[in-house]
C-alpha atoms as a PDB file:
ATOM      1  CA  MET A   1      99.098 104.123  98.838  1.00  0.00           C
ATOM      2  CA  ILE A   2     101.352 102.433  96.308  1.00  0.00           C
ATOM      3  CA  GLU A   3     102.793 105.789  95.247  1.00  0.00           C
ATOM      4  CA  LEU A   4     103.504 106.728  98.874  1.00  0.00           C
ATOM      5  CA  HIS A   5     105.427 103.504  99.396  1.00  0.00           C
ATOM      6  CA  ARG A   6     107.908 104.597  96.743  1.00  0.00           C
ATOM      7  CA  LEU A   7     108.859 107.443  99.104  1.00  0.00           C
ATOM      8  CA  GLU A   8     109.639 104.895 101.813  1.00  0.00           C
ATOM      9  CA  PRO A   9     112.963 103.180 101.169  1.00  0.00           C
ATOM     10  CA  GLY A  10     112.648 101.044 104.341  1.00  0.00           C
ATOM     11  CA  HIS A  11     109.222  99.684 103.381  1.00  0.00           C
ATOM     12  CA  LEU A  12     109.801  96.091 102.300  1.00  0.00           C
ATOM     13  CA  ALA A  13     106.319  94.718 101.562  1.00  0.00           C
ATOM     14  CA  SER A  14     102.560  95.061 101.971  1.00  0.00           C
ATOM     15  CA  ALA A  15      99.891  92.374 101.793  1.00  0.00           C
ATOM     16  CA  TYR A  16      96.126  92.349 102.251  1.00  0.00           C
ATOM     17  CA  SER A  17      94.303  89.160 103.207  1.00  0.00           C
ATOM     18  CA  PHE A  18      90.528  88.768 103.054  1.00  0.00           C
ATOM     19  CA  GLY A  19      88.604  86.433 105.348  1.00  0.00           C
ATOM     20  CA  ALA A  20      85.084  85.415 106.281  1.00  0.00           C
ATOM     21  CA  GLY A  21      82.593  88.046 107.328  1.00  0.00           C
ATOM     22  CA  GLY A  22      84.352  90.835 105.472  1.00  0.00           C
ATOM     23  CA  LYS A  23      87.425  90.830 107.728  1.00  0.00           C
ATOM     24  CA  VAL A  24      90.633  92.150 106.201  1.00  0.00           C
ATOM     25  CA  VAL A  25      94.175  91.939 107.521  1.00  0.00           C
ATOM     26  CA  SER A  26      96.766  94.445 106.360  1.00  0.00           C
ATOM     27  CA  ARG A  27     100.382  93.415 106.846  1.00  0.00           C
ATOM     28  CA  GLU A  28     103.333  95.712 106.280  1.00  0.00           C
ATOM     29  CA  ASP A  29     107.020  94.868 106.645  1.00  0.00           C
ATOM     30  CA  TYR A  30     109.755  97.413 107.335  1.00  0.00           C
ATOM     31  CA  ASP A  31     113.546  97.407 107.752  1.00  0.00           C
ATOM     32  CA  ASN A  32     113.441  99.014 111.185  1.00  0.00           C
ATOM     33  CA  ALA A  33     111.512 101.253 113.583  1.00  0.00           C
ATOM     34  CA  ASP A  34     112.700 104.438 111.859  1.00  0.00           C
ATOM     35  CA  SER A  35     111.034 103.216 108.644  1.00  0.00           C
ATOM     36  CA  VAL A  36     107.782 102.591 110.538  1.00  0.00           C
ATOM     37  CA  ILE A  37     107.893 106.087 112.035  1.00  0.00           C
ATOM     38  CA  ARG A  38     108.491 107.607 108.575  1.00  0.00           C
ATOM     39  CA  HIS A  39     105.564 105.584 107.203  1.00  0.00           C
ATOM     40  CA  MET A  40     103.238 106.880 109.915  1.00  0.00           C
ATOM     41  CA  GLU A  41     104.329 110.461 109.212  1.00  0.00           C
ATOM     42  CA  LEU A  42     103.850 110.176 105.434  1.00  0.00           C
ATOM     43  CA  GLY A  43     100.588 108.255 105.555  1.00  0.00           C
ATOM     44  CA  ASN A  44      98.886 109.778 108.597  1.00  0.00           C
ATOM     45  CA  HIS A  45      96.152 111.373 106.479  1.00  0.00           C
ATOM     46  CA  ILE A  46      95.429 108.011 104.808  1.00  0.00           C
ATOM     47  CA  PHE A  47      95.230 106.304 108.188  1.00  0.00           C
ATOM     48  CA  GLU A  48      92.742 108.912 109.431  1.00  0.00           C
ATOM     49  CA  LEU A  49      90.558 108.382 106.346  1.00  0.00           C
ATOM     50  CA  THR A  50      90.780 104.613 106.714  1.00  0.00           C
ATOM     51  CA  GLN A  51      89.413 104.825 110.257  1.00  0.00           C
ATOM     52  CA  GLN A  52      86.308 106.539 108.874  1.00  0.00           C
ATOM     53  CA  LEU A  53      85.693 103.615 106.502  1.00  0.00           C
ATOM     54  CA  VAL A  54      86.565 100.545 108.570  1.00  0.00           C
ATOM     55  CA  GLU A  55      86.705  99.370 112.155  1.00  0.00           C
ATOM     56  CA  ILE A  56      90.267  98.624 113.228  1.00  0.00           C
ATOM     57  CA  THR A  57      89.981  95.671 115.583  1.00  0.00           C
ATOM     58  CA  GLY A  58      93.630  95.118 116.390  1.00  0.00           C
ATOM     59  CA  VAL A  59      97.210  96.092 115.798  1.00  0.00           C
ATOM     60  CA  GLU A  60     100.231  93.809 116.165  1.00  0.00           C
ATOM     61  CA  LEU A  61     103.862  94.871 116.181  1.00  0.00           C
ATOM     62  CA  HIS A  62     106.540  92.231 115.517  1.00  0.00           C
ATOM     63  CA  GLY A  63     110.274  92.881 115.586  1.00  0.00           C
ATOM     64  CA  PRO A  64     113.485  92.881 117.583  1.00  0.00           C
ATOM     65  CA  GLN A  65     112.974  94.241 121.109  1.00  0.00           C
ATOM     66  CA  ALA A  66     115.364  97.169 120.548  1.00  0.00           C
ATOM     67  CA  GLU A  67     113.382  98.291 117.475  1.00  0.00           C
ATOM     68  CA  LEU A  68     110.014  97.893 119.245  1.00  0.00           C
ATOM     69  CA  GLU A  69     111.264 100.134 122.053  1.00  0.00           C
ATOM     70  CA  LYS A  70     112.043 102.895 119.523  1.00  0.00           C
ATOM     71  CA  LEU A  71     108.366 103.021 118.573  1.00  0.00           C
ATOM     72  CA  GLY A  72     107.551 104.246 122.075  1.00  0.00           C
ATOM     73  CA  ASP A  73     104.144 105.873 122.227  1.00  0.00           C
ATOM     74  CA  LEU A  74     103.521 105.874 118.459  1.00  0.00           C
ATOM     75  CA  PHE A  75     100.931 103.082 118.704  1.00  0.00           C
ATOM     76  CA  ASN A  76      99.871 103.596 122.334  1.00  0.00           C
ATOM     77  CA  GLY A  77      96.323 104.693 121.526  1.00  0.00           C
ATOM     78  CA  MET A  78      95.784 101.468 119.588  1.00  0.00           C
ATOM     79  CA  SER A  79      96.818  99.124 122.417  1.00  0.00           C
ATOM     80  CA  PRO A  80      98.976  96.982 120.129  1.00  0.00           C
ATOM     81  CA  ALA A  81      99.889  93.380 120.822  1.00  0.00           C
ATOM     82  CA  ILE A  82     103.693  93.381 120.857  1.00  0.00           C
ATOM     83  CA  PHE A  83     105.793  90.375 119.842  1.00  0.00           C
ATOM     84  CA  ALA A  84     109.592  90.481 120.199  1.00  0.00           C
ATOM     85  CA  THR A  85     111.279  88.565 117.396  1.00  0.00           C
ATOM     86  CA  GLU A  86     114.282  86.543 118.495  1.00  0.00           C
ATOM     87  CA  PHE A  87     114.755  84.054 115.674  1.00  0.00           C
ATOM     88  CA  GLY A  88     113.826  83.966 112.039  1.00  0.00           C
ATOM     89  CA  TYR A  89     115.026  84.332 108.484  1.00  0.00           C
ATOM     90  CA  ARG A  90     114.069  86.054 105.273  1.00  0.00           C
ATOM     91  CA  ARG A  91     114.834  84.794 101.796  1.00  0.00           C
END
């Protein structure tokens, strides 16, 4: 996965958090919706393999409304929780 991220110029960061009961949260940050779409195209085979190993219990999308709209049906089958970002900062 790390090698694939080098092919993704709009991929800003990844983090994995581990909680009680074996729960894991994967967080990925991107410049824009086009970078997310590229990520899904490049890593689709990894995502399919991941689903064979773990149960995905939720997907959240956070970003400016205009960028979220560009994602269209990409995440439809996952019933994502969608959060429009209006304010924030990054250091």
